Amino acid sequence: MNAETPGSHEDMHWLALGKMKFREWRGQRPFWAGLFTLLGGVPIAYFPYADVRLGNITIAMSTTAGAGSLIIGVLLWTLGLALWFQQSIRIFAGVAAILLALVSLPVSNVGGFFMGFLCALLGGALALSWAPGVPVDEAEESVDADAAPAPGPETDPHAAPYEHARSVSFEKPGATETTAHANGGRNSAG
């Protein structure tokens, strides 16, 4: 909890408690990947069955692949929900969302007039790039196990940066005049 939230759940308003629980739920899964994948399926499935009316003129945007568009849209909705509730399949769902977005270009009115294509492509990319976080308990234990040494003269962060550089030798042990370290890095062949 942060300093802005009340100390106990009983003191919180039900709306604030719901918001906090939703944030916790959202943080444990690829939420935005699932949302963009879900949103990508909407225009892909909708536009092949939609009619636009301009006055007395009806423009039907249906294609011969209307069933294919519906299947792609439903699959994207399914993948979006799977990303929310089965985050262990995020790699499969991300690759499948990207492939379905690419297939929607020729099948479904240029991917739902690029709106569905771009949303599904972004959702698939976010699913592939999401990684589960380390739980707080494990993170604290790993910090305690890797206890850093106490700051001394050699590890003092406030020490002047040039003091450490004077104590470092750039010459390797056993370097002679004929090695590459002599004469500013030039090697003598003799």
N, C-alpha and C. Protein backbone atom coordinates (compact mmCIF):
# COMPACT_ATOMS: atom_id res chain seq x y z
N MET A 1 0.83 -1.17 0.00
CA MET A 1 0.00 0.00 0.00
C MET A 1 0.88 1.24 0.00
N ASN A 2 0.36 2.29 -0.51
CA ASN A 2 1.10 3.54 -0.46
C ASN A 2 0.55 4.42 0.64
N ALA A 3 1.15 5.58 0.81
CA ALA A 3 0.77 6.47 1.91
C ALA A 3 -0.59 7.11 1.71
N GLU A 4 -1.10 7.09 0.50
CA GLU A 4 -2.37 7.74 0.22
C GLU A 4 -3.57 6.87 0.51
N THR A 5 -3.40 5.57 0.62
CA THR A 5 -4.53 4.69 0.89
C THR A 5 -4.70 4.54 2.40
N PRO A 6 -5.93 4.39 2.85
CA PRO A 6 -6.16 4.21 4.29
C PRO A 6 -5.54 2.92 4.79
N GLY A 7 -5.40 2.81 6.10
CA GLY A 7 -4.71 1.69 6.70
C GLY A 7 -5.43 0.36 6.57
N SER A 8 -6.75 0.33 6.64
CA SER A 8 -7.46 -0.94 6.56
C SER A 8 -8.53 -0.87 5.49
N HIS A 9 -8.95 -2.03 5.04
CA HIS A 9 -9.97 -2.10 4.00
C HIS A 9 -11.35 -1.66 4.52
N GLU A 10 -11.57 -1.77 5.82
CA GLU A 10 -12.86 -1.37 6.37
C GLU A 10 -13.05 0.14 6.28
N ASP A 11 -11.96 0.90 6.33
CA ASP A 11 -12.05 2.35 6.28
C ASP A 11 -12.26 2.89 4.87
N MET A 12 -12.06 2.06 3.88
CA MET A 12 -12.12 2.53 2.50
C MET A 12 -13.55 2.52 1.97
N HIS A 13 -13.81 3.43 1.07
CA HIS A 13 -15.09 3.45 0.37
C HIS A 13 -15.12 2.27 -0.59
N TRP A 14 -16.29 1.72 -0.87
CA TRP A 14 -16.38 0.52 -1.71
C TRP A 14 -15.84 0.78 -3.11
N LEU A 15 -15.97 2.01 -3.61
CA LEU A 15 -15.46 2.33 -4.93
C LEU A 15 -13.93 2.36 -4.94
N ALA A 16 -13.33 2.93 -3.90
CA ALA A 16 -11.87 2.96 -3.80
C ALA A 16 -11.31 1.55 -3.61
N LEU A 17 -12.01 0.75 -2.83
CA LEU A 17 -11.58 -0.64 -2.63
C LEU A 17 -11.66 -1.42 -3.94
N GLY A 18 -12.75 -1.22 -4.69
CA GLY A 18 -12.86 -1.89 -5.99
C GLY A 18 -11.79 -1.45 -6.96
N LYS A 19 -11.47 -0.16 -6.95
CA LYS A 19 -10.42 0.35 -7.83
C LYS A 19 -9.07 -0.24 -7.45
N MET A 20 -8.79 -0.35 -6.16
CA MET A 20 -7.52 -0.92 -5.72
C MET A 20 -7.43 -2.40 -6.09
N LYS A 21 -8.53 -3.14 -5.91
CA LYS A 21 -8.52 -4.56 -6.28
C LYS A 21 -8.38 -4.75 -7.78
N PHE A 22 -9.02 -3.86 -8.57
CA PHE A 22 -8.89 -3.94 -10.03
C PHE A 22 -7.46 -3.65 -10.45
N ARG A 23 -6.82 -2.67 -9.84
CA ARG A 23 -5.41 -2.39 -10.16
C ARG A 23 -4.52 -3.58 -9.85
N GLU A 24 -4.78 -4.23 -8.73
CA GLU A 24 -4.00 -5.41 -8.37
C GLU A 24 -4.23 -6.53 -9.39
N TRP A 25 -5.48 -6.75 -9.77
CA TRP A 25 -5.80 -7.79 -10.75
C TRP A 25 -5.16 -7.45 -12.10
N ARG A 26 -5.25 -6.19 -12.51
CA ARG A 26 -4.70 -5.75 -13.79
C ARG A 26 -3.18 -5.88 -13.82
N GLY A 27 -2.53 -5.67 -12.69
CA GLY A 27 -1.07 -5.73 -12.65
C GLY A 27 -0.51 -7.14 -12.74
N GLN A 28 -1.32 -8.14 -12.56
CA GLN A 28 -0.85 -9.53 -12.57
C GLN A 28 -1.04 -10.23 -13.91
N ARG A 29 -1.43 -9.50 -14.92
CA ARG A 29 -1.71 -10.12 -16.22
C ARG A 29 -1.48 -9.10 -17.32
N PRO A 30 -1.36 -9.55 -18.57
CA PRO A 30 -1.19 -8.61 -19.70
C PRO A 30 -2.51 -7.94 -20.05
N PHE A 31 -2.95 -7.03 -19.20
CA PHE A 31 -4.27 -6.42 -19.33
C PHE A 31 -4.42 -5.65 -20.63
N TRP A 32 -3.46 -4.78 -20.92
CA TRP A 32 -3.58 -3.93 -22.12
C TRP A 32 -3.47 -4.75 -23.39
N ALA A 33 -2.70 -5.82 -23.36
CA ALA A 33 -2.63 -6.71 -24.53
C ALA A 33 -3.98 -7.35 -24.79
N GLY A 34 -4.63 -7.82 -23.73
CA GLY A 34 -5.96 -8.41 -23.89
C GLY A 34 -6.99 -7.40 -24.35
N LEU A 35 -6.90 -6.17 -23.82
CA LEU A 35 -7.87 -5.14 -24.20
C LEU A 35 -7.73 -4.76 -25.66
N PHE A 36 -6.50 -4.54 -26.12
CA PHE A 36 -6.31 -4.18 -27.53
C PHE A 36 -6.68 -5.33 -28.46
N THR A 37 -6.43 -6.57 -28.04
CA THR A 37 -6.82 -7.71 -28.86
C THR A 37 -8.34 -7.81 -28.95
N LEU A 38 -9.01 -7.60 -27.83
CA LEU A 38 -10.48 -7.59 -27.84
C LEU A 38 -11.01 -6.48 -28.74
N LEU A 39 -10.46 -5.28 -28.59
CA LEU A 39 -10.92 -4.15 -29.40
C LEU A 39 -10.61 -4.34 -30.88
N GLY A 40 -9.54 -5.06 -31.19
CA GLY A 40 -9.21 -5.33 -32.59
C GLY A 40 -10.21 -6.24 -33.26
N GLY A 41 -10.84 -7.12 -32.50
CA GLY A 41 -11.83 -8.03 -33.08
C GLY A 41 -13.14 -7.37 -33.42
N VAL A 42 -13.45 -6.24 -32.78
CA VAL A 42 -14.75 -5.59 -32.99
C VAL A 42 -14.91 -5.07 -34.41
N PRO A 43 -14.03 -4.18 -34.92
CA PRO A 43 -14.25 -3.69 -36.29
C PRO A 43 -14.05 -4.77 -37.35
N ILE A 44 -13.20 -5.74 -37.07
CA ILE A 44 -12.98 -6.81 -38.05
C ILE A 44 -14.26 -7.62 -38.23
N ALA A 45 -14.94 -7.91 -37.13
CA ALA A 45 -16.18 -8.69 -37.23
C ALA A 45 -17.38 -7.83 -37.60
N TYR A 46 -17.37 -6.55 -37.29
CA TYR A 46 -18.56 -5.71 -37.49
C TYR A 46 -18.70 -5.20 -38.93
N PHE A 47 -17.64 -4.65 -39.51
CA PHE A 47 -17.76 -3.97 -40.79
C PHE A 47 -18.25 -4.83 -41.95
N PRO A 48 -17.91 -6.11 -42.06
CA PRO A 48 -18.46 -6.88 -43.18
C PRO A 48 -19.98 -7.07 -43.11
N TYR A 49 -20.58 -6.86 -41.96
CA TYR A 49 -22.02 -7.03 -41.82
C TYR A 49 -22.74 -5.69 -41.67
N ALA A 50 -22.04 -4.58 -41.73
CA ALA A 50 -22.63 -3.27 -41.48
C ALA A 50 -23.14 -2.65 -42.78
N ASP A 51 -24.14 -1.81 -42.64
CA ASP A 51 -24.66 -1.02 -43.74
C ASP A 51 -24.55 0.45 -43.33
N VAL A 52 -24.08 1.28 -44.25
CA VAL A 52 -24.01 2.72 -44.00
C VAL A 52 -25.08 3.38 -44.85
N ARG A 53 -25.89 4.21 -44.22
CA ARG A 53 -26.97 4.89 -44.94
C ARG A 53 -26.62 6.37 -45.08
N LEU A 54 -26.56 6.82 -46.31
CA LEU A 54 -26.34 8.23 -46.63
C LEU A 54 -27.59 8.73 -47.35
N GLY A 55 -28.50 9.29 -46.59
CA GLY A 55 -29.77 9.71 -47.19
C GLY A 55 -30.58 8.51 -47.63
N ASN A 56 -30.87 8.43 -48.93
CA ASN A 56 -31.61 7.30 -49.48
C ASN A 56 -30.68 6.22 -50.02
N ILE A 57 -29.40 6.44 -49.92
CA ILE A 57 -28.44 5.47 -50.46
C ILE A 57 -27.92 4.59 -49.33
N THR A 58 -27.96 3.29 -49.56
CA THR A 58 -27.42 2.33 -48.60
C THR A 58 -26.15 1.73 -49.18
N ILE A 59 -25.10 1.83 -48.43
CA ILE A 59 -23.82 1.26 -48.86
C ILE A 59 -23.57 0.02 -48.02
N ALA A 60 -23.56 -1.13 -48.67
CA ALA A 60 -23.29 -2.39 -47.98
C ALA A 60 -21.81 -2.70 -48.11
N MET A 61 -21.15 -2.87 -46.97
CA MET A 61 -19.72 -3.15 -46.98
C MET A 61 -19.44 -4.63 -46.87
N SER A 62 -20.44 -5.46 -47.07
CA SER A 62 -20.24 -6.89 -46.92
C SER A 62 -19.36 -7.43 -48.04
N THR A 63 -18.58 -8.41 -47.68
CA THR A 63 -17.68 -9.04 -48.63
C THR A 63 -18.07 -10.50 -48.76
N THR A 64 -17.43 -11.18 -49.68
CA THR A 64 -17.70 -12.61 -49.83
C THR A 64 -17.11 -13.40 -48.67
N ALA A 65 -16.21 -12.80 -47.95
CA ALA A 65 -15.57 -13.49 -46.82
C ALA A 65 -16.15 -13.02 -45.50
N GLY A 66 -17.44 -12.76 -45.45
CA GLY A 66 -18.08 -12.31 -44.21
C GLY A 66 -17.94 -13.31 -43.09
N ALA A 67 -18.07 -14.59 -43.41
CA ALA A 67 -17.91 -15.62 -42.38
C ALA A 67 -16.47 -15.67 -41.88
N GLY A 68 -15.51 -15.47 -42.77
CA GLY A 68 -14.10 -15.44 -42.36
C GLY A 68 -13.82 -14.27 -41.44
N SER A 69 -14.45 -13.13 -41.72
CA SER A 69 -14.28 -11.97 -40.85
C SER A 69 -14.86 -12.22 -39.48
N LEU A 70 -16.01 -12.86 -39.44
CA LEU A 70 -16.64 -13.17 -38.16
C LEU A 70 -15.77 -14.14 -37.36
N ILE A 71 -15.21 -15.12 -38.03
CA ILE A 71 -14.35 -16.09 -37.35
C ILE A 71 -13.10 -15.40 -36.80
N ILE A 72 -12.50 -14.51 -37.58
CA ILE A 72 -11.30 -13.80 -37.12
C ILE A 72 -11.66 -12.93 -35.92
N GLY A 73 -12.79 -12.22 -36.00
CA GLY A 73 -13.20 -11.38 -34.88
C GLY A 73 -13.45 -12.17 -33.61
N VAL A 74 -14.15 -13.30 -33.73
CA VAL A 74 -14.44 -14.13 -32.56
C VAL A 74 -13.16 -14.72 -31.99
N LEU A 75 -12.24 -15.12 -32.85
CA LEU A 75 -10.96 -15.65 -32.36
C LEU A 75 -10.16 -14.56 -31.63
N LEU A 76 -10.18 -13.34 -32.13
CA LEU A 76 -9.49 -12.25 -31.44
C LEU A 76 -10.13 -11.96 -30.09
N TRP A 77 -11.46 -12.03 -30.00
CA TRP A 77 -12.13 -11.84 -28.71
C TRP A 77 -11.72 -12.95 -27.74
N THR A 78 -11.67 -14.17 -28.24
CA THR A 78 -11.28 -15.30 -27.40
C THR A 78 -9.85 -15.16 -26.92
N LEU A 79 -8.95 -14.74 -27.81
CA LEU A 79 -7.56 -14.55 -27.41
C LEU A 79 -7.41 -13.42 -26.40
N GLY A 80 -8.19 -12.36 -26.56
CA GLY A 80 -8.14 -11.26 -25.60
C GLY A 80 -8.59 -11.71 -24.22
N LEU A 81 -9.66 -12.47 -24.15
CA LEU A 81 -10.11 -12.98 -22.86
C LEU A 81 -9.12 -14.00 -22.29
N ALA A 82 -8.52 -14.80 -23.15
CA ALA A 82 -7.53 -15.77 -22.68
C ALA A 82 -6.30 -15.05 -22.11
N LEU A 83 -5.93 -13.91 -22.70
CA LEU A 83 -4.81 -13.16 -22.14
C LEU A 83 -5.13 -12.64 -20.74
N TRP A 84 -6.38 -12.33 -20.48
CA TRP A 84 -6.76 -11.84 -19.16
C TRP A 84 -6.83 -12.95 -18.13
N PHE A 85 -7.33 -14.12 -18.52
CA PHE A 85 -7.61 -15.15 -17.53
C PHE A 85 -6.65 -16.33 -17.59
N GLN A 86 -5.85 -16.46 -18.63
CA GLN A 86 -4.85 -17.52 -18.75
C GLN A 86 -3.54 -16.90 -19.24
N GLN A 87 -2.90 -16.11 -18.39
CA GLN A 87 -1.73 -15.39 -18.85
C GLN A 87 -0.55 -16.29 -19.18
N SER A 88 -0.63 -17.57 -18.85
CA SER A 88 0.45 -18.48 -19.18
C SER A 88 0.53 -18.78 -20.68
N ILE A 89 -0.53 -18.51 -21.43
CA ILE A 89 -0.51 -18.76 -22.87
C ILE A 89 -0.27 -17.47 -23.66
N ARG A 90 0.36 -16.49 -23.03
CA ARG A 90 0.52 -15.17 -23.65
C ARG A 90 1.36 -15.22 -24.92
N ILE A 91 2.35 -16.10 -25.00
CA ILE A 91 3.17 -16.18 -26.21
C ILE A 91 2.34 -16.70 -27.37
N PHE A 92 1.61 -17.79 -27.14
CA PHE A 92 0.74 -18.33 -28.18
C PHE A 92 -0.30 -17.32 -28.60
N ALA A 93 -0.94 -16.67 -27.62
CA ALA A 93 -2.00 -15.72 -27.93
C ALA A 93 -1.45 -14.51 -28.67
N GLY A 94 -0.26 -14.06 -28.31
CA GLY A 94 0.35 -12.93 -29.01
C GLY A 94 0.67 -13.24 -30.46
N VAL A 95 1.25 -14.41 -30.70
CA VAL A 95 1.57 -14.80 -32.08
C VAL A 95 0.29 -15.00 -32.88
N ALA A 96 -0.70 -15.65 -32.26
CA ALA A 96 -1.97 -15.88 -32.97
C ALA A 96 -2.68 -14.56 -33.27
N ALA A 97 -2.64 -13.60 -32.36
CA ALA A 97 -3.29 -12.30 -32.61
C ALA A 97 -2.60 -11.57 -33.75
N ILE A 98 -1.28 -11.63 -33.80
CA ILE A 98 -0.56 -10.97 -34.90
C ILE A 98 -0.89 -11.64 -36.23
N LEU A 99 -0.92 -12.97 -36.25
CA LEU A 99 -1.24 -13.68 -37.50
C LEU A 99 -2.68 -13.41 -37.94
N LEU A 100 -3.61 -13.39 -36.99
CA LEU A 100 -5.01 -13.09 -37.35
C LEU A 100 -5.15 -11.65 -37.84
N ALA A 101 -4.39 -10.73 -37.26
CA ALA A 101 -4.43 -9.34 -37.73
C ALA A 101 -3.92 -9.26 -39.17
N LEU A 102 -2.87 -9.99 -39.48
CA LEU A 102 -2.35 -9.99 -40.85
C LEU A 102 -3.32 -10.65 -41.83
N VAL A 103 -3.97 -11.72 -41.40
CA VAL A 103 -4.93 -12.40 -42.27
C VAL A 103 -6.16 -11.52 -42.50
N SER A 104 -6.48 -10.65 -41.53
CA SER A 104 -7.66 -9.80 -41.67
C SER A 104 -7.49 -8.73 -42.76
N LEU A 105 -6.29 -8.44 -43.16
CA LEU A 105 -6.09 -7.43 -44.21
C LEU A 105 -6.79 -7.81 -45.51
N PRO A 106 -6.54 -9.00 -46.09
CA PRO A 106 -7.24 -9.32 -47.33
C PRO A 106 -8.66 -9.85 -47.11
N VAL A 107 -8.95 -10.38 -45.94
CA VAL A 107 -10.24 -11.04 -45.72
C VAL A 107 -11.32 -10.06 -45.29
N SER A 108 -11.01 -9.12 -44.43
CA SER A 108 -12.05 -8.33 -43.76
C SER A 108 -11.89 -6.84 -44.01
N ASN A 109 -12.23 -6.38 -45.20
CA ASN A 109 -12.23 -4.95 -45.52
C ASN A 109 -10.97 -4.24 -45.01
N VAL A 110 -9.84 -4.72 -45.46
CA VAL A 110 -8.53 -4.17 -45.09
C VAL A 110 -8.40 -4.12 -43.56
N GLY A 111 -8.67 -5.23 -42.93
CA GLY A 111 -8.51 -5.34 -41.48
C GLY A 111 -9.43 -4.44 -40.69
N GLY A 112 -10.67 -4.33 -41.10
CA GLY A 112 -11.60 -3.45 -40.41
C GLY A 112 -11.20 -2.00 -40.58
N PHE A 113 -10.86 -1.65 -41.85
CA PHE A 113 -10.40 -0.30 -42.20
C PHE A 113 -9.21 0.12 -41.33
N PHE A 114 -8.28 -0.79 -41.16
CA PHE A 114 -7.03 -0.63 -40.42
C PHE A 114 -7.22 -0.43 -38.92
N MET A 115 -8.42 -0.17 -38.47
CA MET A 115 -8.63 0.02 -37.03
C MET A 115 -8.44 -1.31 -36.29
N GLY A 116 -9.12 -2.34 -36.74
CA GLY A 116 -8.99 -3.65 -36.10
C GLY A 116 -7.61 -4.24 -36.29
N PHE A 117 -7.05 -4.04 -37.47
CA PHE A 117 -5.71 -4.55 -37.75
C PHE A 117 -4.69 -3.96 -36.79
N LEU A 118 -4.70 -2.64 -36.62
CA LEU A 118 -3.71 -1.99 -35.75
C LEU A 118 -3.91 -2.35 -34.29
N CYS A 119 -5.16 -2.44 -33.84
CA CYS A 119 -5.42 -2.82 -32.45
C CYS A 119 -4.98 -4.26 -32.18
N ALA A 120 -5.30 -5.17 -33.08
CA ALA A 120 -4.91 -6.57 -32.89
C ALA A 120 -3.40 -6.74 -32.98
N LEU A 121 -2.77 -6.00 -33.87
CA LEU A 121 -1.31 -6.06 -33.99
C LEU A 121 -0.64 -5.54 -32.73
N LEU A 122 -1.14 -4.43 -32.20
CA LEU A 122 -0.59 -3.87 -30.97
C LEU A 122 -0.85 -4.80 -29.78
N GLY A 123 -2.03 -5.38 -29.71
CA GLY A 123 -2.33 -6.33 -28.64
C GLY A 123 -1.44 -7.55 -28.67
N GLY A 124 -1.20 -8.08 -29.86
CA GLY A 124 -0.30 -9.23 -29.98
C GLY A 124 1.13 -8.88 -29.60
N ALA A 125 1.59 -7.71 -30.00
CA ALA A 125 2.94 -7.29 -29.64
C ALA A 125 3.07 -7.08 -28.14
N LEU A 126 2.05 -6.49 -27.52
CA LEU A 126 2.09 -6.31 -26.07
C LEU A 126 2.06 -7.64 -25.34
N ALA A 127 1.33 -8.60 -25.87
CA ALA A 127 1.28 -9.93 -25.24
C ALA A 127 2.64 -10.60 -25.31
N LEU A 128 3.33 -10.45 -26.42
CA LEU A 128 4.64 -11.06 -26.55
C LEU A 128 5.68 -10.38 -25.66
N SER A 129 5.52 -9.09 -25.42
CA SER A 129 6.54 -8.37 -24.65
C SER A 129 6.27 -8.38 -23.15
N TRP A 130 5.07 -8.79 -22.72
CA TRP A 130 4.75 -8.77 -21.30
C TRP A 130 5.46 -9.92 -20.60
N ALA A 131 5.97 -9.64 -19.40
CA ALA A 131 6.58 -10.67 -18.57
C ALA A 131 6.03 -10.53 -17.17
N PRO A 132 5.74 -11.64 -16.50
CA PRO A 132 5.21 -11.53 -15.15
C PRO A 132 6.25 -10.94 -14.21
N GLY A 133 5.77 -10.14 -13.29
CA GLY A 133 6.67 -9.52 -12.32
C GLY A 133 7.05 -10.48 -11.22
N VAL A 134 8.09 -10.13 -10.49
CA VAL A 134 8.53 -10.93 -9.36
C VAL A 134 7.66 -10.55 -8.16
N PRO A 135 7.09 -11.54 -7.46
CA PRO A 135 6.30 -11.20 -6.28
C PRO A 135 7.13 -10.43 -5.26
N VAL A 136 6.48 -9.64 -4.46
CA VAL A 136 7.17 -8.75 -3.52
C VAL A 136 8.00 -9.54 -2.53
N ASP A 137 7.49 -10.65 -2.02
CA ASP A 137 8.23 -11.44 -1.03
C ASP A 137 9.54 -11.95 -1.60
N GLU A 138 9.52 -12.47 -2.84
CA GLU A 138 10.73 -12.98 -3.46
C GLU A 138 11.71 -11.85 -3.75
N ALA A 139 11.20 -10.69 -4.13
CA ALA A 139 12.08 -9.57 -4.43
C ALA A 139 12.80 -9.11 -3.17
N GLU A 140 12.11 -9.07 -2.03
CA GLU A 140 12.75 -8.66 -0.79
C GLU A 140 13.78 -9.69 -0.34
N GLU A 141 13.48 -10.98 -0.53
CA GLU A 141 14.43 -12.01 -0.14
C GLU A 141 15.69 -11.96 -0.99
N SER A 142 15.54 -11.70 -2.29
CA SER A 142 16.72 -11.66 -3.15
C SER A 142 17.58 -10.45 -2.82
N VAL A 143 16.99 -9.36 -2.39
CA VAL A 143 17.78 -8.19 -2.00
C VAL A 143 18.54 -8.49 -0.73
N ASP A 144 17.89 -9.18 0.23
CA ASP A 144 18.57 -9.51 1.48
C ASP A 144 19.70 -10.51 1.24
N ALA A 145 19.51 -11.45 0.32
CA ALA A 145 20.53 -12.46 0.06
C ALA A 145 21.74 -11.85 -0.64
N ASP A 146 21.53 -10.84 -1.44
CA ASP A 146 22.62 -10.21 -2.17
C ASP A 146 23.09 -8.96 -1.43
N ALA A 147 23.22 -9.06 -0.11
CA ALA A 147 23.54 -7.87 0.68
C ALA A 147 24.82 -7.23 0.15
N ALA A 148 24.71 -5.97 -0.15
CA ALA A 148 25.85 -5.23 -0.69
C ALA A 148 26.84 -4.93 0.43
N PRO A 149 28.11 -4.86 0.09
CA PRO A 149 29.10 -4.54 1.12
C PRO A 149 28.89 -3.11 1.62
N ALA A 150 29.31 -2.90 2.86
CA ALA A 150 29.18 -1.56 3.43
C ALA A 150 30.06 -0.60 2.65
N PRO A 151 29.58 0.63 2.44
CA PRO A 151 30.40 1.57 1.67
C PRO A 151 31.70 1.87 2.39
N GLY A 152 32.76 1.71 1.70
CA GLY A 152 34.09 2.02 2.20
C GLY A 152 34.76 3.00 1.26
N PRO A 153 36.05 3.19 1.41
CA PRO A 153 36.71 4.15 0.51
C PRO A 153 36.66 3.72 -0.95
N GLU A 154 36.67 2.39 -1.20
CA GLU A 154 36.64 1.95 -2.60
C GLU A 154 35.23 1.86 -3.16
N THR A 155 34.21 1.77 -2.31
CA THR A 155 32.83 1.69 -2.80
C THR A 155 31.99 2.89 -2.38
N ASP A 156 32.61 3.93 -1.85
CA ASP A 156 31.86 5.10 -1.40
C ASP A 156 31.31 5.84 -2.61
N PRO A 157 29.97 5.98 -2.71
CA PRO A 157 29.39 6.64 -3.89
C PRO A 157 29.66 8.14 -3.91
N HIS A 158 30.03 8.70 -2.76
CA HIS A 158 30.27 10.14 -2.71
C HIS A 158 31.73 10.51 -2.95
N ALA A 159 32.58 9.49 -3.12
CA ALA A 159 33.99 9.77 -3.36
C ALA A 159 34.15 10.40 -4.73
N ALA A 160 35.17 11.20 -4.86
CA ALA A 160 35.40 11.85 -6.15
C ALA A 160 35.71 10.79 -7.20
N PRO A 161 35.19 10.94 -8.42
CA PRO A 161 35.37 9.90 -9.42
C PRO A 161 36.82 9.72 -9.84
N TYR A 162 37.65 10.72 -9.72
CA TYR A 162 39.03 10.59 -10.18
C TYR A 162 39.91 9.90 -9.15
N GLU A 163 39.48 9.82 -7.87
CA GLU A 163 40.29 9.15 -6.87
C GLU A 163 40.40 7.66 -7.17
N HIS A 164 39.32 7.08 -7.62
CA HIS A 164 39.33 5.65 -7.92
C HIS A 164 40.17 5.38 -9.17
N ALA A 165 40.16 6.29 -10.11
CA ALA A 165 40.89 6.08 -11.35
C ALA A 165 42.39 6.09 -11.12
N ARG A 166 42.88 6.84 -10.12
CA ARG A 166 44.32 6.86 -9.85
C ARG A 166 44.81 5.54 -9.32
N SER A 167 43.96 4.81 -8.60
CA SER A 167 44.42 3.56 -8.00
C SER A 167 44.34 2.38 -8.97
N VAL A 168 43.70 2.55 -10.12
CA VAL A 168 43.55 1.47 -11.07
C VAL A 168 44.76 1.46 -12.00
N SER A 169 45.36 0.30 -12.17
CA SER A 169 46.49 0.17 -13.09
C SER A 169 45.97 -0.43 -14.39
N PHE A 170 46.30 0.21 -15.49
CA PHE A 170 45.86 -0.29 -16.78
C PHE A 170 46.87 -1.24 -17.39
N GLU A 171 48.01 -1.39 -16.78
CA GLU A 171 49.02 -2.31 -17.26
C GLU A 171 48.73 -3.70 -16.71
N LYS A 172 48.85 -4.69 -17.54
CA LYS A 172 48.67 -6.07 -17.10
C LYS A 172 49.96 -6.54 -16.45
N PRO A 173 49.85 -7.46 -15.51
CA PRO A 173 51.08 -7.98 -14.91
C PRO A 173 51.90 -8.72 -15.96
N GLY A 174 53.17 -8.49 -15.96
CA GLY A 174 54.06 -9.15 -16.91
C GLY A 174 54.16 -8.43 -18.23
N ALA A 175 53.62 -7.23 -18.34
CA ALA A 175 53.70 -6.49 -19.59
C ALA A 175 55.13 -5.97 -19.77
N THR A 176 55.65 -6.13 -20.95
CA THR A 176 57.00 -5.65 -21.26
C THR A 176 56.91 -4.63 -22.37
N GLU A 177 58.08 -4.12 -22.79
CA GLU A 177 58.12 -3.11 -23.84
C GLU A 177 57.65 -3.64 -25.18
N THR A 178 57.67 -4.95 -25.37
CA THR A 178 57.29 -5.49 -26.68
C THR A 178 55.82 -5.88 -26.76
N THR A 179 55.08 -5.71 -25.70
CA THR A 179 53.66 -6.07 -25.75
C THR A 179 52.84 -4.92 -26.29
N ALA A 180 51.58 -5.17 -26.50
CA ALA A 180 50.69 -4.17 -27.07
C ALA A 180 50.42 -3.03 -26.10
N HIS A 181 50.69 -3.24 -24.81
CA HIS A 181 50.42 -2.21 -23.83
C HIS A 181 51.53 -1.16 -23.78
N ALA A 182 52.63 -1.43 -24.34
CA ALA A 182 53.73 -0.46 -24.32
C ALA A 182 53.53 0.58 -25.41
N ASN A 183 54.07 1.73 -25.26
CA ASN A 183 54.04 2.82 -26.25
C ASN A 183 52.62 3.18 -26.68
N GLY A 184 51.72 3.30 -25.74
CA GLY A 184 50.37 3.78 -26.06
C GLY A 184 49.55 2.78 -26.86
N GLY A 185 49.86 1.51 -26.80
CA GLY A 185 49.05 0.52 -27.47
C GLY A 185 49.63 0.03 -28.79
N ARG A 186 50.73 0.63 -29.24
CA ARG A 186 51.33 0.17 -30.48
C ARG A 186 52.19 -1.04 -30.21
N ASN A 187 52.19 -1.99 -31.07
CA ASN A 187 52.94 -3.21 -30.90
C ASN A 187 54.21 -3.12 -31.75
N SER A 188 55.32 -3.52 -31.14
CA SER A 188 56.57 -3.55 -31.91
C SER A 188 56.78 -4.96 -32.42
N ALA A 189 57.16 -5.08 -33.64
CA ALA A 189 57.31 -6.40 -34.26
C ALA A 189 58.71 -6.95 -34.09
N GLY A 190 59.53 -6.41 -33.27
CA GLY A 190 60.90 -6.85 -33.23
C GLY A 190 61.30 -7.35 -31.95
